Amino acid sequence: MTAGTLSDTQSQTAERLDRLQQRLRSAGYDAAALVPGPTMTYVTNLSYHLSKRPLIVIIPAEGEPGVIVPSLEMQRITDEPPFPLKFFTYNDD
C-alpha cells in the first residue's frame, strides 16, 4: 500500500461511517453512540469486549468521530486506529 491510499478494510470502514452519518442527518439525529458488540465492529472495525469500564464510540452526524475510552485501553486503540478519532479518556478514580 502506498502513502495516501486506503486498504480495503479502511475503505469499507470509511464507507460505513459515511453511510451512518448520512442516515443520522436525514433522520435529524445529532450523533450515534456505539458500544462494544457486532454493530460497533461492523461500522468501525474496532473490536472490544463489554466490561465494567465502558468504551463508547460517538459518531456525529457531521465531523470526526470520537471515542470515550478507559485510560488502560488507550494504548491499544491509538496504536492503529482504523479511522481518524478524537480520544477522551477516563480513570477509575
PDB file of N, CA and C in Angstrom:
ATOM      1  N   MET A   1       0.856  -1.173   0.000  1.00  0.00           N
ATOM      2  CA  MET A   1       0.000   0.000   0.000  1.00  0.00           C
ATOM      3  C   MET A   1       0.901   1.234   0.000  1.00  0.00           C
ATOM      4  N   THR A   2       0.606   2.183  -0.838  1.00  0.00           N
ATOM      5  CA  THR A   2       1.400   3.403  -0.918  1.00  0.00           C
ATOM      6  C   THR A   2       0.823   4.466  -0.004  1.00  0.00           C
ATOM      7  N   ALA A   3       1.656   5.452   0.319  1.00  0.00           N
ATOM      8  CA  ALA A   3       1.209   6.538   1.188  1.00  0.00           C
ATOM      9  C   ALA A   3       0.006   7.231   0.570  1.00  0.00           C
ATOM     10  N   GLY A   4      -0.989   7.493   1.400  1.00  0.00           N
ATOM     11  CA  GLY A   4      -2.168   8.212   0.928  1.00  0.00           C
ATOM     12  C   GLY A   4      -3.271   7.328   0.379  1.00  0.00           C
ATOM     13  N   THR A   5      -3.012   6.021   0.246  1.00  0.00           N
ATOM     14  CA  THR A   5      -4.064   5.126  -0.230  1.00  0.00           C
ATOM     15  C   THR A   5      -4.629   4.357   0.959  1.00  0.00           C
ATOM     16  N   LEU A   6      -5.884   3.960   0.831  1.00  0.00           N
ATOM     17  CA  LEU A   6      -6.543   3.229   1.895  1.00  0.00           C
ATOM     18  C   LEU A   6      -6.574   1.748   1.568  1.00  0.00           C
ATOM     19  N   SER A   7      -6.430   0.925   2.597  1.00  0.00           N
ATOM     20  CA  SER A   7      -6.600  -0.512   2.405  1.00  0.00           C
ATOM     21  C   SER A   7      -8.083  -0.781   2.156  1.00  0.00           C
ATOM     22  N   ASP A   8      -8.404  -1.998   1.718  1.00  0.00           N
ATOM     23  CA  ASP A   8      -9.803  -2.366   1.503  1.00  0.00           C
ATOM     24  C   ASP A   8     -10.606  -2.205   2.795  1.00  0.00           C
ATOM     25  N   THR A   9     -10.018  -2.630   3.914  1.00  0.00           N
ATOM     26  CA  THR A   9     -10.705  -2.528   5.200  1.00  0.00           C
ATOM     27  C   THR A   9     -10.943  -1.073   5.563  1.00  0.00           C
ATOM     28  N   GLN A  10      -9.940  -0.216   5.379  1.00  0.00           N
ATOM     29  CA  GLN A  10     -10.106   1.204   5.682  1.00  0.00           C
ATOM     30  C   GLN A  10     -11.154   1.840   4.773  1.00  0.00           C
ATOM     31  N   SER A  11     -11.185   1.451   3.517  1.00  0.00           N
ATOM     32  CA  SER A  11     -12.190   1.972   2.585  1.00  0.00           C
ATOM     33  C   SER A  11     -13.590   1.544   3.000  1.00  0.00           C
ATOM     34  N   GLN A  12     -13.747   0.275   3.377  1.00  0.00           N
ATOM     35  CA  GLN A  12     -15.050  -0.213   3.827  1.00  0.00           C
ATOM     36  C   GLN A  12     -15.494   0.530   5.084  1.00  0.00           C
ATOM     37  N   THR A  13     -14.566   0.719   6.018  1.00  0.00           N
ATOM     38  CA  THR A  13     -14.894   1.429   7.254  1.00  0.00           C
ATOM     39  C   THR A  13     -15.307   2.858   6.948  1.00  0.00           C
ATOM     40  N   ALA A  14     -14.576   3.540   6.078  1.00  0.00           N
ATOM     41  CA  ALA A  14     -14.910   4.919   5.707  1.00  0.00           C
ATOM     42  C   ALA A  14     -16.297   4.981   5.061  1.00  0.00           C
ATOM     43  N   GLU A  15     -16.598   4.032   4.193  1.00  0.00           N
ATOM     44  CA  GLU A  15     -17.919   3.998   3.547  1.00  0.00           C
ATOM     45  C   GLU A  15     -19.031   3.767   4.563  1.00  0.00           C
ATOM     46  N   ARG A  16     -18.805   2.865   5.502  1.00  0.00           N
ATOM     47  CA  ARG A  16     -19.819   2.574   6.522  1.00  0.00           C
ATOM     48  C   ARG A  16     -20.050   3.780   7.428  1.00  0.00           C
ATOM     49  N   LEU A  17     -18.969   4.449   7.802  1.00  0.00           N
ATOM     50  CA  LEU A  17     -19.112   5.649   8.631  1.00  0.00           C
ATOM     51  C   LEU A  17     -19.855   6.745   7.870  1.00  0.00           C
ATOM     52  N   ASP A  18     -19.523   6.929   6.602  1.00  0.00           N
ATOM     53  CA  ASP A  18     -20.212   7.928   5.777  1.00  0.00           C
ATOM     54  C   ASP A  18     -21.710   7.633   5.680  1.00  0.00           C
ATOM     55  N   ARG A  19     -22.049   6.361   5.440  1.00  0.00           N
ATOM     56  CA  ARG A  19     -23.470   5.976   5.340  1.00  0.00           C
ATOM     57  C   ARG A  19     -24.201   6.230   6.656  1.00  0.00           C
ATOM     58  N   LEU A  20     -23.553   5.885   7.773  1.00  0.00           N
ATOM     59  CA  LEU A  20     -24.187   6.118   9.067  1.00  0.00           C
ATOM     60  C   LEU A  20     -24.394   7.610   9.296  1.00  0.00           C
ATOM     61  N   GLN A  21     -23.390   8.427   8.963  1.00  0.00           N
ATOM     62  CA  GLN A  21     -23.535   9.873   9.148  1.00  0.00           C
ATOM     63  C   GLN A  21     -24.644  10.432   8.250  1.00  0.00           C
ATOM     64  N   GLN A  22     -24.754   9.953   7.037  1.00  0.00           N
ATOM     65  CA  GLN A  22     -25.835  10.392   6.149  1.00  0.00           C
ATOM     66  C   GLN A  22     -27.201  10.037   6.726  1.00  0.00           C
ATOM     67  N   ARG A  23     -27.313   8.833   7.260  1.00  0.00           N
ATOM     68  CA  ARG A  23     -28.586   8.403   7.849  1.00  0.00           C
ATOM     69  C   ARG A  23     -28.915   9.204   9.107  1.00  0.00           C
ATOM     70  N   LEU A  24     -27.912   9.529   9.891  1.00  0.00           N
ATOM     71  CA  LEU A  24     -28.140  10.357  11.079  1.00  0.00           C
ATOM     72  C   LEU A  24     -28.691  11.722  10.674  1.00  0.00           C
ATOM     73  N   ARG A  25     -28.056  12.327   9.676  1.00  0.00           N
ATOM     74  CA  ARG A  25     -28.505  13.646   9.208  1.00  0.00           C
ATOM     75  C   ARG A  25     -29.927  13.582   8.660  1.00  0.00           C
ATOM     76  N   SER A  26     -30.204  12.581   7.831  1.00  0.00           N
ATOM     77  CA  SER A  26     -31.528  12.514   7.221  1.00  0.00           C
ATOM     78  C   SER A  26     -32.623  12.234   8.258  1.00  0.00           C
ATOM     79  N   ALA A  27     -32.262  11.584   9.361  1.00  0.00           N
ATOM     80  CA  ALA A  27     -33.240  11.303  10.417  1.00  0.00           C
ATOM     81  C   ALA A  27     -33.319  12.435  11.446  1.00  0.00           C
ATOM     82  N   GLY A  28     -32.429  13.418  11.321  1.00  0.00           N
ATOM     83  CA  GLY A  28     -32.445  14.541  12.245  1.00  0.00           C
ATOM     84  C   GLY A  28     -31.732  14.291  13.566  1.00  0.00           C
ATOM     85  N   TYR A  29     -30.889  13.267  13.633  1.00  0.00           N
ATOM     86  CA  TYR A  29     -30.139  12.968  14.850  1.00  0.00           C
ATOM     87  C   TYR A  29     -28.800  13.695  14.842  1.00  0.00           C
ATOM     88  N   ASP A  30     -28.306  14.019  16.040  1.00  0.00           N
ATOM     89  CA  ASP A  30     -27.006  14.673  16.171  1.00  0.00           C
ATOM     90  C   ASP A  30     -25.855  13.686  16.142  1.00  0.00           C
ATOM     91  N   ALA A  31     -26.068  12.486  16.690  1.00  0.00           N
ATOM     92  CA  ALA A  31     -24.979  11.514  16.797  1.00  0.00           C
ATOM     93  C   ALA A  31     -25.539  10.133  17.111  1.00  0.00           C
ATOM     94  N   ALA A  32     -24.673   9.133  16.960  1.00  0.00           N
ATOM     95  CA  ALA A  32     -24.968   7.767  17.380  1.00  0.00           C
ATOM     96  C   ALA A  32     -23.875   7.337  18.342  1.00  0.00           C
ATOM     97  N   ALA A  33     -24.253   6.613  19.377  1.00  0.00           N
ATOM     98  CA  ALA A  33     -23.297   6.068  20.336  1.00  0.00           C
ATOM     99  C   ALA A  33     -23.249   4.558  20.157  1.00  0.00           C
ATOM    100  N   LEU A  34     -22.062   4.036  19.953  1.00  0.00           N
ATOM    101  CA  LEU A  34     -21.885   2.604  19.743  1.00  0.00           C
ATOM    102  C   LEU A  34     -21.062   2.019  20.883  1.00  0.00           C
ATOM    103  N   VAL A  35     -21.516   0.902  21.421  1.00  0.00           N
ATOM    104  CA  VAL A  35     -20.785   0.197  22.472  1.00  0.00           C
ATOM    105  C   VAL A  35     -20.249  -1.103  21.887  1.00  0.00           C
ATOM    106  N   PRO A  36     -19.269  -1.739  22.559  1.00  0.00           N
ATOM    107  CA  PRO A  36     -18.709  -2.974  22.020  1.00  0.00           C
ATOM    108  C   PRO A  36     -19.781  -4.007  21.694  1.00  0.00           C
ATOM    109  N   GLY A  37     -19.637  -4.581  20.529  1.00  0.00           N
ATOM    110  CA  GLY A  37     -20.566  -5.596  20.041  1.00  0.00           C
ATOM    111  C   GLY A  37     -20.520  -5.636  18.533  1.00  0.00           C
ATOM    112  N   PRO A  38     -21.373  -6.441  17.920  1.00  0.00           N
ATOM    113  CA  PRO A  38     -21.336  -6.623  16.468  1.00  0.00           C
ATOM    114  C   PRO A  38     -21.532  -5.333  15.666  1.00  0.00           C
ATOM    115  N   THR A  39     -22.421  -4.450  16.120  1.00  0.00           N
ATOM    116  CA  THR A  39     -22.665  -3.220  15.360  1.00  0.00           C
ATOM    117  C   THR A  39     -21.436  -2.321  15.370  1.00  0.00           C
ATOM    118  N   MET A  40     -20.808  -2.148  16.549  1.00  0.00           N
ATOM    119  CA  MET A  40     -19.604  -1.319  16.625  1.00  0.00           C
ATOM    120  C   MET A  40     -18.497  -1.906  15.743  1.00  0.00           C
ATOM    121  N   THR A  41     -18.327  -3.207  15.797  1.00  0.00           N
ATOM    122  CA  THR A  41     -17.276  -3.846  14.993  1.00  0.00           C
ATOM    123  C   THR A  41     -17.559  -3.672  13.501  1.00  0.00           C
ATOM    124  N   TYR A  42     -18.806  -3.872  13.093  1.00  0.00           N
ATOM    125  CA  TYR A  42     -19.164  -3.740  11.673  1.00  0.00           C
ATOM    126  C   TYR A  42     -18.948  -2.313  11.175  1.00  0.00           C
ATOM    127  N   VAL A  43     -19.424  -1.332  11.919  1.00  0.00           N
ATOM    128  CA  VAL A  43     -19.360   0.056  11.455  1.00  0.00           C
ATOM    129  C   VAL A  43     -17.943   0.610  11.531  1.00  0.00           C
ATOM    130  N   THR A  44     -17.214   0.307  12.614  1.00  0.00           N
ATOM    131  CA  THR A  44     -15.936   0.979  12.867  1.00  0.00           C
ATOM    132  C   THR A  44     -14.703   0.112  12.671  1.00  0.00           C
ATOM    133  N   ASN A  45     -14.875  -1.188  12.593  1.00  0.00           N
ATOM    134  CA  ASN A  45     -13.762  -2.129  12.542  1.00  0.00           C
ATOM    135  C   ASN A  45     -12.952  -2.120  13.845  1.00  0.00           C
ATOM    136  N   LEU A  46     -13.546  -1.626  14.928  1.00  0.00           N
ATOM    137  CA  LEU A  46     -12.948  -1.698  16.259  1.00  0.00           C
ATOM    138  C   LEU A  46     -13.575  -2.880  16.977  1.00  0.00           C
ATOM    139  N   SER A  47     -12.757  -3.708  17.599  1.00  0.00           N
ATOM    140  CA  SER A  47     -13.270  -4.882  18.284  1.00  0.00           C
ATOM    141  C   SER A  47     -12.839  -4.857  19.743  1.00  0.00           C
ATOM    142  N   TYR A  48     -13.785  -4.678  20.619  1.00  0.00           N
ATOM    143  CA  TYR A  48     -13.563  -4.676  22.060  1.00  0.00           C
ATOM    144  C   TYR A  48     -14.638  -5.507  22.707  1.00  0.00           C
ATOM    145  N   HIS A  49     -14.417  -5.885  23.941  1.00  0.00           N
ATOM    146  CA  HIS A  49     -15.422  -6.648  24.676  1.00  0.00           C
ATOM    147  C   HIS A  49     -16.103  -5.733  25.690  1.00  0.00           C
ATOM    148  N   LEU A  50     -17.324  -6.079  26.040  1.00  0.00           N
ATOM    149  CA  LEU A  50     -18.020  -5.347  27.094  1.00  0.00           C
ATOM    150  C   LEU A  50     -17.307  -5.615  28.412  1.00  0.00           C
ATOM    151  N   SER A  51     -17.160  -4.592  29.208  1.00  0.00           N
ATOM    152  CA  SER A  51     -16.530  -4.760  30.508  1.00  0.00           C
ATOM    153  C   SER A  51     -17.093  -3.724  31.470  1.00  0.00           C
ATOM    154  N   LYS A  52     -16.591  -3.747  32.689  1.00  0.00           N
ATOM    155  CA  LYS A  52     -17.069  -2.767  33.666  1.00  0.00           C
ATOM    156  C   LYS A  52     -16.532  -1.373  33.362  1.00  0.00           C
ATOM    157  N   ARG A  53     -15.538  -1.278  32.489  1.00  0.00           N
ATOM    158  CA  ARG A  53     -15.005   0.011  32.048  1.00  0.00           C
ATOM    159  C   ARG A  53     -15.516   0.273  30.632  1.00  0.00           C
ATOM    160  N   PRO A  54     -16.579   1.049  30.491  1.00  0.00           N
ATOM    161  CA  PRO A  54     -17.184   1.249  29.171  1.00  0.00           C
ATOM    162  C   PRO A  54     -16.262   1.935  28.162  1.00  0.00           C
ATOM    163  N   LEU A  55     -16.397   1.503  26.938  1.00  0.00           N
ATOM    164  CA  LEU A  55     -15.790   2.150  25.787  1.00  0.00           C
ATOM    165  C   LEU A  55     -16.969   2.512  24.886  1.00  0.00           C
ATOM    166  N   ILE A  56     -17.053   3.791  24.510  1.00  0.00           N
ATOM    167  CA  ILE A  56     -18.177   4.253  23.705  1.00  0.00           C
ATOM    168  C   ILE A  56     -17.640   5.036  22.511  1.00  0.00           C
ATOM    169  N   VAL A  57     -18.043   4.642  21.322  1.00  0.00           N
ATOM    170  CA  VAL A  57     -17.673   5.373  20.113  1.00  0.00           C
ATOM    171  C   VAL A  57     -18.845   6.297  19.773  1.00  0.00           C
ATOM    172  N   ILE A  58     -18.547   7.581  19.621  1.00  0.00           N
ATOM    173  CA  ILE A  58     -19.559   8.574  19.277  1.00  0.00           C
ATOM    174  C   ILE A  58     -19.359   8.959  17.813  1.00  0.00           C
ATOM    175  N   ILE A  59     -20.380   8.704  17.000  1.00  0.00           N
ATOM    176  CA  ILE A  59     -20.337   9.064  15.580  1.00  0.00           C
ATOM    177  C   ILE A  59     -21.265  10.268  15.394  1.00  0.00           C
ATOM    178  N   PRO A  60     -20.698  11.472  15.191  1.00  0.00           N
ATOM    179  CA  PRO A  60     -21.558  12.641  14.993  1.00  0.00           C
ATOM    180  C   PRO A  60     -22.132  12.651  13.577  1.00  0.00           C
ATOM    181  N   ALA A  61     -23.249  13.321  13.413  1.00  0.00           N
ATOM    182  CA  ALA A  61     -23.839  13.456  12.085  1.00  0.00           C
ATOM    183  C   ALA A  61     -22.906  14.224  11.160  1.00  0.00           C
ATOM    184  N   GLU A  62     -22.142  15.122  11.709  1.00  0.00           N
ATOM    185  CA  GLU A  62     -21.139  15.907  10.967  1.00  0.00           C
ATOM    186  C   GLU A  62     -19.836  15.888  11.759  1.00  0.00           C
ATOM    187  N   GLY A  63     -18.733  15.690  11.099  1.00  0.00           N
ATOM    188  CA  GLY A  63     -17.442  15.804  11.770  1.00  0.00           C
ATOM    189  C   GLY A  63     -16.803  14.477  12.111  1.00  0.00           C
ATOM    190  N   GLU A  64     -15.725  14.589  12.858  1.00  0.00           N
ATOM    191  CA  GLU A  64     -14.878  13.454  13.185  1.00  0.00           C
ATOM    192  C   GLU A  64     -15.424  12.669  14.380  1.00  0.00           C
ATOM    193  N   PRO A  65     -15.450  11.343  14.266  1.00  0.00           N
ATOM    194  CA  PRO A  65     -15.894  10.519  15.386  1.00  0.00           C
ATOM    195  C   PRO A  65     -14.959  10.640  16.590  1.00  0.00           C
ATOM    196  N   GLY A  66     -15.493  10.291  17.737  1.00  0.00           N
ATOM    197  CA  GLY A  66     -14.708  10.286  18.967  1.00  0.00           C
ATOM    198  C   GLY A  66     -14.941   8.998  19.719  1.00  0.00           C
ATOM    199  N   VAL A  67     -14.061   8.738  20.662  1.00  0.00           N
ATOM    200  CA  VAL A  67     -14.204   7.549  21.483  1.00  0.00           C
ATOM    201  C   VAL A  67     -13.913   7.909  22.934  1.00  0.00           C
ATOM    202  N   ILE A  68     -14.808   7.472  23.798  1.00  0.00           N
ATOM    203  CA  ILE A  68     -14.597   7.587  25.243  1.00  0.00           C
ATOM    204  C   ILE A  68     -13.995   6.258  25.652  1.00  0.00           C
ATOM    205  N   VAL A  69     -12.777   6.300  26.153  1.00  0.00           N
ATOM    206  CA  VAL A  69     -12.022   5.070  26.375  1.00  0.00           C
ATOM    207  C   VAL A  69     -11.340   5.104  27.742  1.00  0.00           C
ATOM    208  N   PRO A  70     -11.337   3.973  28.457  1.00  0.00           N
ATOM    209  CA  PRO A  70     -10.604   3.922  29.714  1.00  0.00           C
ATOM    210  C   PRO A  70      -9.113   4.138  29.453  1.00  0.00           C
ATOM    211  N   SER A  71      -8.454   4.839  30.352  1.00  0.00           N
ATOM    212  CA  SER A  71      -7.013   5.091  30.197  1.00  0.00           C
ATOM    213  C   SER A  71      -6.240   3.797  29.978  1.00  0.00           C
ATOM    214  N   LEU A  72      -6.665   2.730  30.628  1.00  0.00           N
ATOM    215  CA  LEU A  72      -5.986   1.434  30.493  1.00  0.00           C
ATOM    216  C   LEU A  72      -6.009   0.902  29.062  1.00  0.00           C
ATOM    217  N   GLU A  73      -6.998   1.274  28.284  1.00  0.00           N
ATOM    218  CA  GLU A  73      -7.144   0.788  26.899  1.00  0.00           C
ATOM    219  C   GLU A  73      -6.586   1.769  25.867  1.00  0.00           C
ATOM    220  N   MET A  74      -6.129   2.925  26.309  1.00  0.00           N
ATOM    221  CA  MET A  74      -5.714   3.974  25.373  1.00  0.00           C
ATOM    222  C   MET A  74      -4.615   3.504  24.417  1.00  0.00           C
ATOM    223  N   GLN A  75      -3.618   2.830  24.926  1.00  0.00           N
ATOM    224  CA  GLN A  75      -2.512   2.366  24.072  1.00  0.00           C
ATOM    225  C   GLN A  75      -3.018   1.449  22.971  1.00  0.00           C
ATOM    226  N   ARG A  76      -3.920   0.567  23.309  1.00  0.00           N
ATOM    227  CA  ARG A  76      -4.431  -0.396  22.330  1.00  0.00           C
ATOM    228  C   ARG A  76      -5.156   0.293  21.178  1.00  0.00           C
ATOM    229  N   ILE A  77      -5.944   1.296  21.472  1.00  0.00           N
ATOM    230  CA  ILE A  77      -6.752   1.941  20.430  1.00  0.00           C
ATOM    231  C   ILE A  77      -5.949   2.959  19.630  1.00  0.00           C
ATOM    232  N   THR A  78      -4.911   3.546  20.212  1.00  0.00           N
ATOM    233  CA  THR A  78      -4.141   4.560  19.491  1.00  0.00           C
ATOM    234  C   THR A  78      -3.029   3.967  18.635  1.00  0.00           C
ATOM    235  N   ASP A  79      -2.711   2.693  18.821  1.00  0.00           N
ATOM    236  CA  ASP A  79      -1.649   2.080  18.016  1.00  0.00           C
ATOM    237  C   ASP A  79      -1.946   2.185  16.529  1.00  0.00           C
ATOM    238  N   GLU A  80      -3.115   1.784  16.115  1.00  0.00           N
ATOM    239  CA  GLU A  80      -3.509   1.849  14.710  1.00  0.00           C
ATOM    240  C   GLU A  80      -5.014   2.037  14.592  1.00  0.00           C
ATOM    241  N   PRO A  81      -5.519   3.227  14.880  1.00  0.00           N
ATOM    242  CA  PRO A  81      -6.960   3.415  14.729  1.00  0.00           C
ATOM    243  C   PRO A  81      -7.358   3.256  13.259  1.00  0.00           C
ATOM    244  N   PRO A  82      -8.496   2.625  12.974  1.00  0.00           N
ATOM    245  CA  PRO A  82      -8.897   2.374  11.590  1.00  0.00           C
ATOM    246  C   PRO A  82      -9.426   3.612  10.868  1.00  0.00           C
ATOM    247  N   PHE A  83      -9.579   4.719  11.593  1.00  0.00           N
ATOM    248  CA  PHE A  83     -10.045   5.974  11.005  1.00  0.00           C
ATOM    249  C   PHE A  83      -9.700   7.083  11.991  1.00  0.00           C
ATOM    250  N   PRO A  84      -9.686   8.338  11.557  1.00  0.00           N
ATOM    251  CA  PRO A  84      -9.362   9.439  12.473  1.00  0.00           C
ATOM    252  C   PRO A  84     -10.373   9.503  13.624  1.00  0.00           C
ATOM    253  N   LEU A  85      -9.852   9.605  14.836  1.00  0.00           N
ATOM    254  CA  LEU A  85     -10.673   9.624  16.039  1.00  0.00           C
ATOM    255  C   LEU A  85     -10.200  10.697  17.004  1.00  0.00           C
ATOM    256  N   LYS A  86     -11.137  11.294  17.718  1.00  0.00           N
ATOM    257  CA  LYS A  86     -10.823  12.142  18.867  1.00  0.00           C
ATOM    258  C   LYS A  86     -10.899  11.227  20.082  1.00  0.00           C
ATOM    259  N   PHE A  87      -9.950  11.366  20.993  1.00  0.00           N
ATOM    260  CA  PHE A  87      -9.904  10.491  22.159  1.00  0.00           C
ATOM    261  C   PHE A  87     -10.253  11.253  23.429  1.00  0.00           C
ATOM    262  N   PHE A  88     -11.095  10.624  24.244  1.00  0.00           N
ATOM    263  CA  PHE A  88     -11.472  11.157  25.548  1.00  0.00           C
ATOM    264  C   PHE A  88     -11.267  10.011  26.546  1.00  0.00           C
ATOM    265  N   THR A  89     -10.349  10.193  27.487  1.00  0.00           N
ATOM    266  CA  THR A  89     -10.025   9.110  28.419  1.00  0.00           C
ATOM    267  C   THR A  89     -10.578   9.405  29.810  1.00  0.00           C
ATOM    268  N   TYR A  90     -10.668   8.354  30.575  1.00  0.00           N
ATOM    269  CA  TYR A  90     -11.050   8.483  31.979  1.00  0.00           C
ATOM    270  C   TYR A  90     -10.335   7.425  32.798  1.00  0.00           C
ATOM    271  N   ASN A  91     -10.213   7.691  34.112  1.00  0.00           N
ATOM    272  CA  ASN A  91      -9.613   6.753  35.061  1.00  0.00           C
ATOM    273  C   ASN A  91     -10.690   6.213  35.984  1.00  0.00           C
ATOM    274  N   ASP A  92     -10.348   5.176  36.706  1.00  0.00           N
ATOM    275  CA  ASP A  92     -11.280   4.599  37.666  1.00  0.00           C
ATOM    276  C   ASP A  92     -11.396   5.443  38.935  1.00  0.00           C
ATOM    277  N   ASP A  93     -10.522   6.404  39.100  1.00  0.00           N
ATOM    278  CA  ASP A  93     -10.530   7.227  40.321  1.00  0.00           C
ATOM    279  C   ASP A  93     -11.763   8.048  40.461  1.00  0.00           C
TER     280      ASP A  93
END
